[in-house]
Amino acid sequence: MKDEYVLYLDESEFKRSMTFAIAGIAIKKDNIGLLEKEIAEVKKLIWDEEYITLNNPVLHCTELEKVFVKRNSDDITGIRPEYQELKKRKSEDIEKIYTRVYGKISQALRKSGATVFSCIIKIQQLRALFFLDENHNGIHLIDDQYSIALQKIIENFTHYLSVNDGYGDVIYESRNNIGENSAKSPDIKLINVYHKIQANNKGIVYTDSAAVQNRNRTIVTYSKSENIAGLQFADFVAYNIIKLEGCKVKEQITDFMKQIHRMAYNGGHSISEIDQRSFWGMRVLPSYLRMEELLSENKTLRNSYANLKKARNKQKRIIDAQKEKIAQLEEENKRLLDLIKSIDIKKES
């Protein structure tokens, strides 16, 4: 019997950097119970058991981030009710809780055997490519960012399912407003895109349509209030995958960011063998941006290697000179010993 997998997806967007992502985790269906158990343990780090029983709070990455970032400030507004009590705690207590929450989530993802999938879109650069100017009537030749990201992820998820010889379902956090279910609602539009991917390979570039249809089964959406464990983990992955992509200083990359990067799908290969995560598990569009980044990194590495080689050659010259000096001193020492020996012989005679 083939294994069944669930891909939990959520989206995140950073307005300032105009960066958008759909991201989440794929796990075996057999491990859903483990995720639910682990999310319950994470919540106990923030709320007591009585509060959890009475209020059924939802773990929310951005709410936790707001409280943590402004833990030393009295100006914390716009916080969900379930996080009001957390913000009243001491600054050092908030920091401890924040650290423990991320540590526990990392541990849970490892335990569940989760694999990270994401597609990051640089909105401004994509528009620069596909938004035509006024001379071309200002036509926008671009698909919806949700559709683009979902297409890439489903294609890569199909590859993952094929490698693992399994079937997959997608669970996506609802984008609808309360009570909204019209044909133009965000959820219905996203579900329609999914079915178009299945039916006619919409947006799929490299994968055969039969594989997409055979491996992928359904997509459903749930609101945050449904308290789905997998979606709460996906929420943390989506938010932090954008932070990771935007990090230019290594010291700002957290252990959790490193963890989800290690867990990003690598096309069925071990990372030590070959690193293909920028294509499979952490896709960045437009892709030329990633290529430019890799070329820049390659140039930096080449320059570093050249500097190391230069330093090594300099060191070699110093060592060679020292060896030559030692050889000269040894020769001089030998000459002196021979001279002393010759003097001693003369004295004896």
C-alpha atoms as a PDB file:
ATOM      1  CA  MET A   1       0.000   0.000   0.000  1.00  0.00           C
ATOM      2  CA  LYS A   2       1.373   3.397  -1.004  1.00  0.00           C
ATOM      3  CA  ASP A   3       2.046   6.056   1.635  1.00  0.00           C
ATOM      4  CA  GLU A   4      -0.258   9.050   1.892  1.00  0.00           C
ATOM      5  CA  TYR A   5       1.093  12.547   2.501  1.00  0.00           C
ATOM      6  CA  VAL A   6      -0.412  15.894   3.468  1.00  0.00           C
ATOM      7  CA  LEU A   7       1.064  19.216   2.392  1.00  0.00           C
ATOM      8  CA  TYR A   8       0.090  22.010   4.793  1.00  0.00           C
ATOM      9  CA  LEU A   9       0.444  25.450   3.209  1.00  0.00           C
ATOM     10  CA  ASP A  10       0.162  29.037   4.373  1.00  0.00           C
ATOM     11  CA  GLU A  11       1.277  32.328   2.904  1.00  0.00           C
ATOM     12  CA  SER A  12       3.179  35.301   4.246  1.00  0.00           C
ATOM     13  CA  GLU A  13       4.004  38.702   2.830  1.00  0.00           C
ATOM     14  CA  PHE A  14       6.474  41.391   3.891  1.00  0.00           C
ATOM     15  CA  LYS A  15       5.106  44.694   2.588  1.00  0.00           C
ATOM     16  CA  ARG A  16       8.323  46.651   3.048  1.00  0.00           C
ATOM     17  CA  SER A  17      10.465  44.339   0.911  1.00  0.00           C
ATOM     18  CA  MET A  18       7.525  43.419  -1.344  1.00  0.00           C
ATOM     19  CA  THR A  19       8.258  39.741  -0.814  1.00  0.00           C
ATOM     20  CA  PHE A  20       5.536  37.092  -0.872  1.00  0.00           C
ATOM     21  CA  ALA A  21       5.701  33.385  -0.139  1.00  0.00           C
ATOM     22  CA  ILE A  22       3.581  30.305   0.011  1.00  0.00           C
ATOM     23  CA  ALA A  23       5.271  27.719   2.176  1.00  0.00           C
ATOM     24  CA  GLY A  24       4.657  24.802   4.465  1.00  0.00           C
ATOM     25  CA  ILE A  25       5.424  21.218   5.348  1.00  0.00           C
ATOM     26  CA  ALA A  26       4.700  17.796   3.874  1.00  0.00           C
ATOM     27  CA  ILE A  27       4.344  14.874   6.253  1.00  0.00           C
ATOM     28  CA  LYS A  28       2.974  11.342   6.164  1.00  0.00           C
ATOM     29  CA  LYS A  29      -0.668  11.141   7.208  1.00  0.00           C
ATOM     30  CA  ASP A  30       0.383   8.674   9.909  1.00  0.00           C
ATOM     31  CA  ASN A  31       2.273  11.544  11.607  1.00  0.00           C
ATOM     32  CA  ILE A  32      -0.652  13.983  11.872  1.00  0.00           C
ATOM     33  CA  GLY A  33      -1.393  12.751  15.387  1.00  0.00           C
ATOM     34  CA  LEU A  34       2.207  13.472  16.364  1.00  0.00           C
ATOM     35  CA  LEU A  35       1.894  17.056  15.068  1.00  0.00           C
ATOM     36  CA  GLU A  36      -1.298  17.561  17.071  1.00  0.00           C
ATOM     37  CA  LYS A  37       0.371  16.257  20.217  1.00  0.00           C
ATOM     38  CA  GLU A  38       3.419  18.474  19.680  1.00  0.00           C
ATOM     39  CA  ILE A  39       1.392  21.641  18.996  1.00  0.00           C
ATOM     40  CA  ALA A  40      -0.430  21.044  22.277  1.00  0.00           C
ATOM     41  CA  GLU A  41       2.929  20.938  24.081  1.00  0.00           C
ATOM     42  CA  VAL A  42       4.066  24.150  22.376  1.00  0.00           C
ATOM     43  CA  LYS A  43       0.932  25.967  23.521  1.00  0.00           C
ATOM     44  CA  LYS A  44       1.632  25.014  27.145  1.00  0.00           C
ATOM     45  CA  LEU A  45       4.754  27.183  26.933  1.00  0.00           C
ATOM     46  CA  ILE A  46       2.533  30.242  26.380  1.00  0.00           C
ATOM     47  CA  TRP A  47      -0.757  29.491  28.149  1.00  0.00           C
ATOM     48  CA  ASP A  48      -1.744  27.437  31.188  1.00  0.00           C
ATOM     49  CA  GLU A  49      -3.855  24.314  30.718  1.00  0.00           C
ATOM     50  CA  GLU A  50      -7.048  25.913  32.041  1.00  0.00           C
ATOM     51  CA  TYR A  51      -6.828  28.756  29.536  1.00  0.00           C
ATOM     52  CA  ILE A  52      -6.144  26.307  26.706  1.00  0.00           C
ATOM     53  CA  THR A  53      -9.170  24.181  27.685  1.00  0.00           C
ATOM     54  CA  LEU A  54     -11.521  27.161  27.918  1.00  0.00           C
ATOM     55  CA  ASN A  55     -10.297  29.213  24.939  1.00  0.00           C
ATOM     56  CA  ASN A  56      -8.667  26.773  22.501  1.00  0.00           C
ATOM     57  CA  PRO A  57      -6.044  29.386  21.443  1.00  0.00           C
ATOM     58  CA  VAL A  58      -4.308  29.254  18.074  1.00  0.00           C
ATOM     59  CA  LEU A  59      -0.534  29.487  17.755  1.00  0.00           C
ATOM     60  CA  HIS A  60       0.190  32.460  15.506  1.00  0.00           C
ATOM     61  CA  CYS A  61       3.714  33.376  14.414  1.00  0.00           C
ATOM     62  CA  THR A  62       3.245  37.113  13.789  1.00  0.00           C
ATOM     63  CA  GLU A  63       1.459  37.635  17.116  1.00  0.00           C
ATOM     64  CA  LEU A  64       4.307  35.959  18.982  1.00  0.00           C
ATOM     65  CA  GLU A  65       6.789  38.051  16.967  1.00  0.00           C
ATOM     66  CA  LYS A  66       4.991  41.319  17.854  1.00  0.00           C
ATOM     67  CA  VAL A  67       5.065  40.556  21.565  1.00  0.00           C
ATOM     68  CA  PHE A  68       8.717  39.473  21.439  1.00  0.00           C
ATOM     69  CA  VAL A  69       9.987  42.439  19.396  1.00  0.00           C
ATOM     70  CA  LYS A  70       8.175  44.970  21.615  1.00  0.00           C
ATOM     71  CA  ARG A  71       8.750  43.150  24.917  1.00  0.00           C
ATOM     72  CA  ASN A  72      10.620  46.180  26.313  1.00  0.00           C
ATOM     73  CA  SER A  73       7.996  48.658  25.151  1.00  0.00           C
ATOM     74  CA  ASP A  74       4.646  49.680  26.596  1.00  0.00           C
ATOM     75  CA  ASP A  75       3.393  50.468  23.104  1.00  0.00           C
ATOM     76  CA  ILE A  76       2.056  47.096  21.941  1.00  0.00           C
ATOM     77  CA  THR A  77      -1.220  47.468  20.079  1.00  0.00           C
ATOM     78  CA  GLY A  78      -3.258  45.313  17.724  1.00  0.00           C
ATOM     79  CA  ILE A  79      -2.514  42.069  19.578  1.00  0.00           C
ATOM     80  CA  ARG A  80      -5.046  39.230  19.426  1.00  0.00           C
ATOM     81  CA  PRO A  81      -6.890  38.625  22.713  1.00  0.00           C
ATOM     82  CA  GLU A  82      -5.128  35.310  23.414  1.00  0.00           C
ATOM     83  CA  TYR A  83      -1.738  37.093  23.387  1.00  0.00           C
ATOM     84  CA  GLN A  84      -2.750  39.925  25.718  1.00  0.00           C
ATOM     85  CA  GLU A  85      -1.631  38.036  28.825  1.00  0.00           C
ATOM     86  CA  LEU A  86       1.740  37.135  27.304  1.00  0.00           C
ATOM     87  CA  LYS A  87       2.617  40.773  26.671  1.00  0.00           C
ATOM     88  CA  LYS A  88       2.066  41.550  30.380  1.00  0.00           C
ATOM     89  CA  ARG A  89       4.921  39.262  31.416  1.00  0.00           C
ATOM     90  CA  LYS A  90       8.449  40.405  32.179  1.00  0.00           C
ATOM     91  CA  SER A  91      10.742  41.032  29.237  1.00  0.00           C
ATOM     92  CA  GLU A  92      13.103  38.194  30.160  1.00  0.00           C
ATOM     93  CA  ASP A  93      10.181  35.782  30.564  1.00  0.00           C
ATOM     94  CA  ILE A  94       8.834  36.680  27.120  1.00  0.00           C
ATOM     95  CA  GLU A  95      12.285  36.062  25.640  1.00  0.00           C
ATOM     96  CA  LYS A  96      12.513  32.639  27.307  1.00  0.00           C
ATOM     97  CA  ILE A  97       9.047  31.645  26.079  1.00  0.00           C
ATOM     98  CA  TYR A  98       9.839  32.845  22.548  1.00  0.00           C
ATOM     99  CA  THR A  99      13.078  30.829  22.452  1.00  0.00           C
ATOM    100  CA  ARG A 100      11.437  27.712  23.875  1.00  0.00           C
ATOM    101  CA  VAL A 101       8.514  27.906  21.438  1.00  0.00           C
ATOM    102  CA  TYR A 102      10.870  27.951  18.453  1.00  0.00           C
ATOM    103  CA  GLY A 103      12.985  25.202  19.951  1.00  0.00           C
ATOM    104  CA  LYS A 104       9.925  23.010  20.518  1.00  0.00           C
ATOM    105  CA  ILE A 105       8.605  23.655  16.995  1.00  0.00           C
ATOM    106  CA  SER A 106      11.987  22.695  15.508  1.00  0.00           C
ATOM    107  CA  GLN A 107      11.959  19.501  17.553  1.00  0.00           C
ATOM    108  CA  ALA A 108       8.406  18.693  16.425  1.00  0.00           C
ATOM    109  CA  LEU A 109       9.249  19.164  12.752  1.00  0.00           C
ATOM    110  CA  ARG A 110      12.212  16.812  13.090  1.00  0.00           C
ATOM    111  CA  LYS A 111      10.146  14.214  14.919  1.00  0.00           C
ATOM    112  CA  SER A 112       7.399  14.271  12.296  1.00  0.00           C
ATOM    113  CA  GLY A 113       9.851  13.805   9.423  1.00  0.00           C
ATOM    114  CA  ALA A 114       8.554  16.996   7.822  1.00  0.00           C
ATOM    115  CA  THR A 115       9.827  18.259   4.466  1.00  0.00           C
ATOM    116  CA  VAL A 116       9.653  21.980   3.717  1.00  0.00           C
ATOM    117  CA  PHE A 117       8.258  23.366   0.454  1.00  0.00           C
ATOM    118  CA  SER A 118       8.199  27.044  -0.442  1.00  0.00           C
ATOM    119  CA  CYS A 119       7.982  29.458  -3.326  1.00  0.00           C
ATOM    120  CA  ILE A 120       9.148  33.000  -2.672  1.00  0.00           C
ATOM    121  CA  ILE A 121       8.133  35.768  -5.052  1.00  0.00           C
ATOM    122  CA  LYS A 122       9.884  39.109  -5.387  1.00  0.00           C
ATOM    123  CA  ILE A 123       6.802  41.102  -6.344  1.00  0.00           C
ATOM    124  CA  GLN A 124       8.494  44.296  -7.564  1.00  0.00           C
ATOM    125  CA  GLN A 125      10.937  42.447  -9.819  1.00  0.00           C
ATOM    126  CA  LEU A 126       8.181  40.228 -11.226  1.00  0.00           C
ATOM    127  CA  ARG A 127       6.064  43.261 -12.048  1.00  0.00           C
ATOM    128  CA  ALA A 128       9.037  44.956 -13.694  1.00  0.00           C
ATOM    129  CA  LEU A 129       9.248  41.963 -16.029  1.00  0.00           C
ATOM    130  CA  PHE A 130       5.561  41.518 -16.842  1.00  0.00           C
ATOM    131  CA  PHE A 131       3.857  44.910 -16.376  1.00  0.00           C
ATOM    132  CA  LEU A 132       4.093  46.678 -19.724  1.00  0.00           C
ATOM    133  CA  ASP A 133       4.441  50.445 -19.968  1.00  0.00           C
ATOM    134  CA  GLU A 134       1.938  53.002 -21.282  1.00  0.00           C
ATOM    135  CA  ASN A 135       3.276  52.590 -24.832  1.00  0.00           C
ATOM    136  CA  HIS A 136       1.856  49.068 -24.674  1.00  0.00           C
ATOM    137  CA  ASN A 137      -1.443  50.218 -23.123  1.00  0.00           C
ATOM    138  CA  GLY A 138      -0.152  49.312 -19.660  1.00  0.00           C
ATOM    139  CA  ILE A 139      -1.092  45.646 -20.080  1.00  0.00           C
ATOM    140  CA  HIS A 140      -0.280  43.361 -17.173  1.00  0.00           C
ATOM    141  CA  LEU A 141       0.962  40.001 -18.432  1.00  0.00           C
ATOM    142  CA  ILE A 142       1.231  38.433 -15.021  1.00  0.00           C
ATOM    143  CA  ASP A 143      -0.692  35.680 -13.256  1.00  0.00           C
ATOM    144  CA  ASP A 144      -1.929  36.010  -9.683  1.00  0.00           C
ATOM    145  CA  GLN A 145       0.992  35.585  -7.230  1.00  0.00           C
ATOM    146  CA  TYR A 146      -0.937  32.906  -5.329  1.00  0.00           C
ATOM    147  CA  SER A 147      -1.414  30.945  -8.546  1.00  0.00           C
ATOM    148  CA  ILE A 148       2.241  31.234  -9.567  1.00  0.00           C
ATOM    149  CA  ALA A 149       3.537  30.076  -6.179  1.00  0.00           C
ATOM    150  CA  LEU A 150       0.998  27.237  -5.881  1.00  0.00           C
ATOM    151  CA  GLN A 151       1.873  25.962  -9.374  1.00  0.00           C
ATOM    152  CA  LYS A 152       5.571  25.726  -8.562  1.00  0.00           C
ATOM    153  CA  ILE A 153       4.955  24.061  -5.217  1.00  0.00           C
ATOM    154  CA  ILE A 154       2.530  21.473  -6.635  1.00  0.00           C
ATOM    155  CA  GLU A 155       5.003  20.616  -9.385  1.00  0.00           C
ATOM    156  CA  ASN A 156       7.744  20.067  -6.805  1.00  0.00           C
ATOM    157  CA  PHE A 157       5.367  18.234  -4.461  1.00  0.00           C
ATOM    158  CA  THR A 158       4.527  15.896  -7.356  1.00  0.00           C
ATOM    159  CA  HIS A 159       8.235  15.135  -7.705  1.00  0.00           C
ATOM    160  CA  TYR A 160       8.422  14.438  -3.960  1.00  0.00           C
ATOM    161  CA  LEU A 161       5.414  12.105  -4.144  1.00  0.00           C
ATOM    162  CA  SER A 162       6.940  10.282  -7.115  1.00  0.00           C
ATOM    163  CA  VAL A 163      10.282   9.846  -5.342  1.00  0.00           C
ATOM    164  CA  ASN A 164       8.444   8.441  -2.302  1.00  0.00           C
ATOM    165  CA  ASP A 165       5.860   6.546  -4.404  1.00  0.00           C
ATOM    166  CA  GLY A 166       2.935   8.122  -2.556  1.00  0.00           C
ATOM    167  CA  TYR A 167      -0.260  10.115  -2.933  1.00  0.00           C
ATOM    168  CA  GLY A 168      -0.814  13.616  -1.605  1.00  0.00           C
ATOM    169  CA  ASP A 169      -3.481  16.037  -0.421  1.00  0.00           C
ATOM    170  CA  VAL A 170      -3.112  19.766   0.195  1.00  0.00           C
ATOM    171  CA  ILE A 171      -4.511  21.654   3.177  1.00  0.00           C
ATOM    172  CA  TYR A 172      -4.351  25.433   2.798  1.00  0.00           C
ATOM    173  CA  GLU A 173      -5.197  28.084   5.368  1.00  0.00           C
ATOM    174  CA  SER A 174      -8.366  29.876   4.291  1.00  0.00           C
ATOM    175  CA  ARG A 175      -8.135  33.413   2.949  1.00  0.00           C
ATOM    176  CA  ASN A 176     -11.892  34.004   2.872  1.00  0.00           C
ATOM    177  CA  ASN A 177     -13.643  36.505   5.077  1.00  0.00           C
ATOM    178  CA  ILE A 178     -16.169  35.055   7.517  1.00  0.00           C
ATOM    179  CA  GLY A 179     -19.188  33.745   5.625  1.00  0.00           C
ATOM    180  CA  GLU A 180     -17.634  34.373   2.211  1.00  0.00           C
ATOM    181  CA  ASN A 181     -18.088  31.542  -0.296  1.00  0.00           C
ATOM    182  CA  SER A 182     -18.773  33.191  -3.652  1.00  0.00           C
ATOM    183  CA  ALA A 183     -17.158  31.981  -6.876  1.00  0.00           C
ATOM    184  CA  LYS A 184     -14.827  34.999  -6.716  1.00  0.00           C
ATOM    185  CA  SER A 185     -13.693  34.363  -3.149  1.00  0.00           C
ATOM    186  CA  PRO A 186      -9.948  33.793  -2.603  1.00  0.00           C
ATOM    187  CA  ASP A 187     -10.412  30.171  -1.512  1.00  0.00           C
ATOM    188  CA  ILE A 188     -12.549  29.182  -4.504  1.00  0.00           C
ATOM    189  CA  LYS A 189     -10.113  30.881  -6.891  1.00  0.00           C
ATOM    190  CA  LEU A 190      -7.190  29.002  -5.324  1.00  0.00           C
ATOM    191  CA  ILE A 191      -9.052  25.679  -5.423  1.00  0.00           C
ATOM    192  CA  ASN A 192      -9.907  26.294  -9.079  1.00  0.00           C
ATOM    193  CA  VAL A 193      -6.235  26.914  -9.851  1.00  0.00           C
ATOM    194  CA  TYR A 194      -5.363  23.614  -8.156  1.00  0.00           C
ATOM    195  CA  HIS A 195      -7.891  21.751 -10.282  1.00  0.00           C
ATOM    196  CA  LYS A 196      -6.594  23.451 -13.434  1.00  0.00           C
ATOM    197  CA  ILE A 197      -3.099  22.253 -12.489  1.00  0.00           C
ATOM    198  CA  GLN A 198      -4.512  18.735 -12.213  1.00  0.00           C
ATOM    199  CA  ALA A 199      -6.655  18.876 -15.339  1.00  0.00           C
ATOM    200  CA  ASN A 200      -4.398  20.582 -17.860  1.00  0.00           C
ATOM    201  CA  ASN A 201      -1.010  21.170 -16.183  1.00  0.00           C
ATOM    202  CA  LYS A 202      -1.609  24.900 -15.699  1.00  0.00           C
ATOM    203  CA  GLY A 203       1.749  26.516 -14.918  1.00  0.00           C
ATOM    204  CA  ILE A 204       3.602  23.184 -14.860  1.00  0.00           C
ATOM    205  CA  VAL A 205       6.836  23.336 -16.824  1.00  0.00           C
ATOM    206  CA  TYR A 206       8.806  20.147 -16.341  1.00  0.00           C
ATOM    207  CA  THR A 207       6.407  17.475 -15.091  1.00  0.00           C
ATOM    208  CA  ASP A 208       4.184  15.174 -17.131  1.00  0.00           C
ATOM    209  CA  SER A 209       0.449  15.843 -16.657  1.00  0.00           C
ATOM    210  CA  ALA A 210      -0.249  12.165 -15.893  1.00  0.00           C
ATOM    211  CA  ALA A 211       2.143  12.316 -12.917  1.00  0.00           C
ATOM    212  CA  VAL A 212       0.430  15.442 -11.565  1.00  0.00           C
ATOM    213  CA  GLN A 213      -3.002  13.827 -11.895  1.00  0.00           C
ATOM    214  CA  ASN A 214      -1.969  10.450 -10.494  1.00  0.00           C
ATOM    215  CA  ARG A 215      -0.098  11.728  -7.443  1.00  0.00           C
ATOM    216  CA  ASN A 216      -2.203  14.713  -6.316  1.00  0.00           C
ATOM    217  CA  ARG A 217      -5.729  14.163  -5.031  1.00  0.00           C
ATOM    218  CA  THR A 218      -7.514  16.992  -3.225  1.00  0.00           C
ATOM    219  CA  ILE A 219      -7.128  20.482  -1.810  1.00  0.00           C
ATOM    220  CA  VAL A 220      -9.182  21.823   1.107  1.00  0.00           C
ATOM    221  CA  THR A 221      -9.073  25.102   3.024  1.00  0.00           C
ATOM    222  CA  TYR A 222      -9.570  25.630   6.743  1.00  0.00           C
ATOM    223  CA  SER A 223      -9.827  28.879   8.660  1.00  0.00           C
ATOM    224  CA  LYS A 224      -7.339  29.655  11.399  1.00  0.00           C
ATOM    225  CA  SER A 225     -10.089  29.179  13.991  1.00  0.00           C
ATOM    226  CA  GLU A 226     -10.271  25.474  13.054  1.00  0.00           C
ATOM    227  CA  ASN A 227      -6.984  25.139  14.955  1.00  0.00           C
ATOM    228  CA  ILE A 228      -5.329  22.729  12.494  1.00  0.00           C
ATOM    229  CA  ALA A 229      -1.923  21.735  13.902  1.00  0.00           C
ATOM    230  CA  GLY A 230      -0.213  21.390  10.512  1.00  0.00           C
ATOM    231  CA  LEU A 231      -1.345  24.862   9.430  1.00  0.00           C
ATOM    232  CA  GLN A 232       0.079  26.410  12.590  1.00  0.00           C
ATOM    233  CA  PHE A 233       3.466  24.847  11.818  1.00  0.00           C
ATOM    234  CA  ALA A 234       3.143  26.051   8.201  1.00  0.00           C
ATOM    235  CA  ASP A 235       2.484  29.571   9.513  1.00  0.00           C
ATOM    236  CA  PHE A 236       5.873  29.607  11.268  1.00  0.00           C
ATOM    237  CA  VAL A 237       7.628  28.164   8.204  1.00  0.00           C
ATOM    238  CA  ALA A 238       6.095  30.693   5.766  1.00  0.00           C
ATOM    239  CA  TYR A 239       6.986  33.701   7.923  1.00  0.00           C
ATOM    240  CA  ASN A 240      10.541  32.575   8.644  1.00  0.00           C
ATOM    241  CA  ILE A 241      11.297  31.425   5.088  1.00  0.00           C
ATOM    242  CA  ILE A 242      10.872  35.039   3.934  1.00  0.00           C
ATOM    243  CA  LYS A 243      13.057  36.276   6.794  1.00  0.00           C
ATOM    244  CA  LEU A 244      15.702  33.727   5.826  1.00  0.00           C
ATOM    245  CA  GLU A 245      15.635  34.693   2.156  1.00  0.00           C
ATOM    246  CA  GLY A 246      16.083  38.345   3.085  1.00  0.00           C
ATOM    247  CA  CYS A 247      18.914  37.820   5.600  1.00  0.00           C
ATOM    248  CA  LYS A 248      22.146  39.376   4.386  1.00  0.00           C
ATOM    249  CA  VAL A 249      23.990  39.056   7.698  1.00  0.00           C
ATOM    250  CA  LYS A 250      24.796  35.513   8.837  1.00  0.00           C
ATOM    251  CA  GLU A 251      24.442  36.451  12.506  1.00  0.00           C
ATOM    252  CA  GLN A 252      20.762  37.273  11.900  1.00  0.00           C
ATOM    253  CA  ILE A 253      19.983  33.762  10.676  1.00  0.00           C
ATOM    254  CA  THR A 254      18.312  31.965  13.577  1.00  0.00           C
ATOM    255  CA  ASP A 255      18.601  28.280  14.427  1.00  0.00           C
ATOM    256  CA  PHE A 256      14.995  27.821  13.286  1.00  0.00           C
ATOM    257  CA  MET A 257      15.750  29.363   9.884  1.00  0.00           C
ATOM    258  CA  LYS A 258      18.736  27.036   9.512  1.00  0.00           C
ATOM    259  CA  GLN A 259      16.516  24.123  10.509  1.00  0.00           C
ATOM    260  CA  ILE A 260      13.793  24.770   7.902  1.00  0.00           C
ATOM    261  CA  HIS A 261      16.465  25.346   5.273  1.00  0.00           C
ATOM    262  CA  ARG A 262      17.986  21.945   6.081  1.00  0.00           C
ATOM    263  CA  MET A 263      14.518  20.410   5.817  1.00  0.00           C
ATOM    264  CA  ALA A 264      13.728  22.008   2.441  1.00  0.00           C
ATOM    265  CA  TYR A 265      13.069  19.430  -0.281  1.00  0.00           C
ATOM    266  CA  ASN A 266      16.249  18.569  -2.159  1.00  0.00           C
ATOM    267  CA  GLY A 267      14.879  16.461  -5.015  1.00  0.00           C
ATOM    268  CA  GLY A 268      15.415  13.173  -3.212  1.00  0.00           C
ATOM    269  CA  HIS A 269      19.175  13.722  -2.816  1.00  0.00           C
ATOM    270  CA  SER A 270      21.220  14.109   0.339  1.00  0.00           C
ATOM    271  CA  ILE A 271      22.573  17.644   0.742  1.00  0.00           C
ATOM    272  CA  SER A 272      26.113  16.290   1.064  1.00  0.00           C
ATOM    273  CA  GLU A 273      25.732  14.757  -2.403  1.00  0.00           C
ATOM    274  CA  ILE A 274      24.215  17.761  -4.177  1.00  0.00           C
ATOM    275  CA  ASP A 275      22.327  20.862  -3.028  1.00  0.00           C
ATOM    276  CA  GLN A 276      19.239  21.538  -5.184  1.00  0.00           C
ATOM    277  CA  ARG A 277      17.055  23.181  -2.535  1.00  0.00           C
ATOM    278  CA  SER A 278      16.895  26.485  -4.415  1.00  0.00           C
ATOM    279  CA  PHE A 279      14.982  24.633  -7.146  1.00  0.00           C
ATOM    280  CA  TRP A 280      12.885  22.148  -5.150  1.00  0.00           C
ATOM    281  CA  GLY A 281      12.231  23.296  -1.607  1.00  0.00           C
ATOM    282  CA  MET A 282      13.066  26.985  -1.520  1.00  0.00           C
ATOM    283  CA  ARG A 283      12.215  28.415  -4.925  1.00  0.00           C
ATOM    284  CA  VAL A 284      12.710  32.137  -5.529  1.00  0.00           C
ATOM    285  CA  LEU A 285      11.023  33.910  -8.469  1.00  0.00           C
ATOM    286  CA  PRO A 286      11.992  35.575 -10.744  1.00  0.00           C
ATOM    287  CA  SER A 287      14.603  32.832 -10.988  1.00  0.00           C
ATOM    288  CA  TYR A 288      17.215  35.136 -12.552  1.00  0.00           C
ATOM    289  CA  LEU A 289      17.442  36.858  -9.160  1.00  0.00           C
ATOM    290  CA  ARG A 290      18.581  33.634  -7.552  1.00  0.00           C
ATOM    291  CA  MET A 291      20.998  33.042 -10.435  1.00  0.00           C
ATOM    292  CA  GLU A 292      22.498  36.505  -9.945  1.00  0.00           C
ATOM    293  CA  GLU A 293      22.830  35.817  -6.243  1.00  0.00           C
ATOM    294  CA  LEU A 294      24.555  32.485  -6.908  1.00  0.00           C
ATOM    295  CA  LEU A 295      26.875  34.111  -9.447  1.00  0.00           C
ATOM    296  CA  SER A 296      27.729  36.787  -6.879  1.00  0.00           C
ATOM    297  CA  GLU A 297      28.376  34.126  -4.238  1.00  0.00           C
ATOM    298  CA  ASN A 298      30.506  32.206  -6.734  1.00  0.00           C
ATOM    299  CA  LYS A 299      32.537  35.329  -7.491  1.00  0.00           C
ATOM    300  CA  THR A 300      33.050  35.910  -3.767  1.00  0.00           C
ATOM    301  CA  LEU A 301      34.171  32.319  -3.301  1.00  0.00           C
ATOM    302  CA  ARG A 302      36.579  32.576  -6.257  1.00  0.00           C
ATOM    303  CA  ASN A 303      38.061  35.785  -4.837  1.00  0.00           C
ATOM    304  CA  SER A 304      38.369  34.163  -1.411  1.00  0.00           C
ATOM    305  CA  TYR A 305      40.081  31.143  -2.946  1.00  0.00           C
ATOM    306  CA  ALA A 306      42.466  33.409  -4.879  1.00  0.00           C
ATOM    307  CA  ASN A 307      43.309  35.286  -1.675  1.00  0.00           C
ATOM    308  CA  LEU A 308      43.862  32.022   0.188  1.00  0.00           C
ATOM    309  CA  LYS A 309      46.086  30.770  -2.620  1.00  0.00           C
ATOM    310  CA  LYS A 310      48.032  34.020  -2.547  1.00  0.00           C
ATOM    311  CA  ALA A 311      48.425  33.809   1.229  1.00  0.00           C
ATOM    312  CA  ARG A 312      49.416  30.135   0.980  1.00  0.00           C
ATOM    313  CA  ASN A 313      52.091  30.919  -1.631  1.00  0.00           C
ATOM    314  CA  LYS A 314      53.401  33.740   0.542  1.00  0.00           C
ATOM    315  CA  GLN A 315      53.536  31.423   3.527  1.00  0.00           C
ATOM    316  CA  LYS A 316      55.295  28.799   1.406  1.00  0.00           C
ATOM    317  CA  ARG A 317      57.947  31.320   0.392  1.00  0.00           C
ATOM    318  CA  ILE A 318      58.504  32.229   4.048  1.00  0.00           C
ATOM    319  CA  ILE A 319      58.763  28.539   5.025  1.00  0.00           C
ATOM    320  CA  ASP A 320      61.112  27.810   2.122  1.00  0.00           C
ATOM    321  CA  ALA A 321      63.314  30.754   3.142  1.00  0.00           C
ATOM    322  CA  GLN A 322      63.323  29.497   6.725  1.00  0.00           C
ATOM    323  CA  LYS A 323      64.236  25.997   5.565  1.00  0.00           C
ATOM    324  CA  GLU A 324      67.092  27.420   3.493  1.00  0.00           C
ATOM    325  CA  LYS A 325      68.302  29.445   6.471  1.00  0.00           C
ATOM    326  CA  ILE A 326      68.116  26.351   8.696  1.00  0.00           C
ATOM    327  CA  ALA A 327      70.097  24.374   6.104  1.00  0.00           C
ATOM    328  CA  GLN A 328      72.754  27.114   6.006  1.00  0.00           C
ATOM    329  CA  LEU A 329      72.958  27.165   9.815  1.00  0.00           C
ATOM    330  CA  GLU A 330      73.233  23.384   9.918  1.00  0.00           C
ATOM    331  CA  GLU A 331      76.022  23.544   7.320  1.00  0.00           C
ATOM    332  CA  GLU A 332      77.789  26.250   9.317  1.00  0.00           C
ATOM    333  CA  ASN A 333      77.316  24.213  12.507  1.00  0.00           C
ATOM    334  CA  LYS A 334      78.800  21.175  10.771  1.00  0.00           C
ATOM    335  CA  ARG A 335      81.785  23.273   9.579  1.00  0.00           C
ATOM    336  CA  LEU A 336      82.371  24.558  13.101  1.00  0.00           C
ATOM    337  CA  LEU A 337      82.171  21.055  14.581  1.00  0.00           C
ATOM    338  CA  ASP A 338      84.708  19.850  11.989  1.00  0.00           C
ATOM    339  CA  LEU A 339      86.962  22.816  12.849  1.00  0.00           C
ATOM    340  CA  ILE A 340      86.751  22.063  16.596  1.00  0.00           C
ATOM    341  CA  LYS A 341      87.507  18.419  15.888  1.00  0.00           C
ATOM    342  CA  SER A 342      90.511  19.393  13.780  1.00  0.00           C
ATOM    343  CA  ILE A 343      91.863  21.676  16.540  1.00  0.00           C
ATOM    344  CA  ASP A 344      91.450  18.928  19.138  1.00  0.00           C
ATOM    345  CA  ILE A 345      93.414  16.486  16.959  1.00  0.00           C
ATOM    346  CA  LYS A 346      96.257  18.986  16.576  1.00  0.00           C
ATOM    347  CA  LYS A 347      96.403  19.529  20.353  1.00  0.00           C
ATOM    348  CA  GLU A 348      96.621  15.798  20.978  1.00  0.00           C
ATOM    349  CA  SER A 349      99.478  15.399  18.517  1.00  0.00           C
END
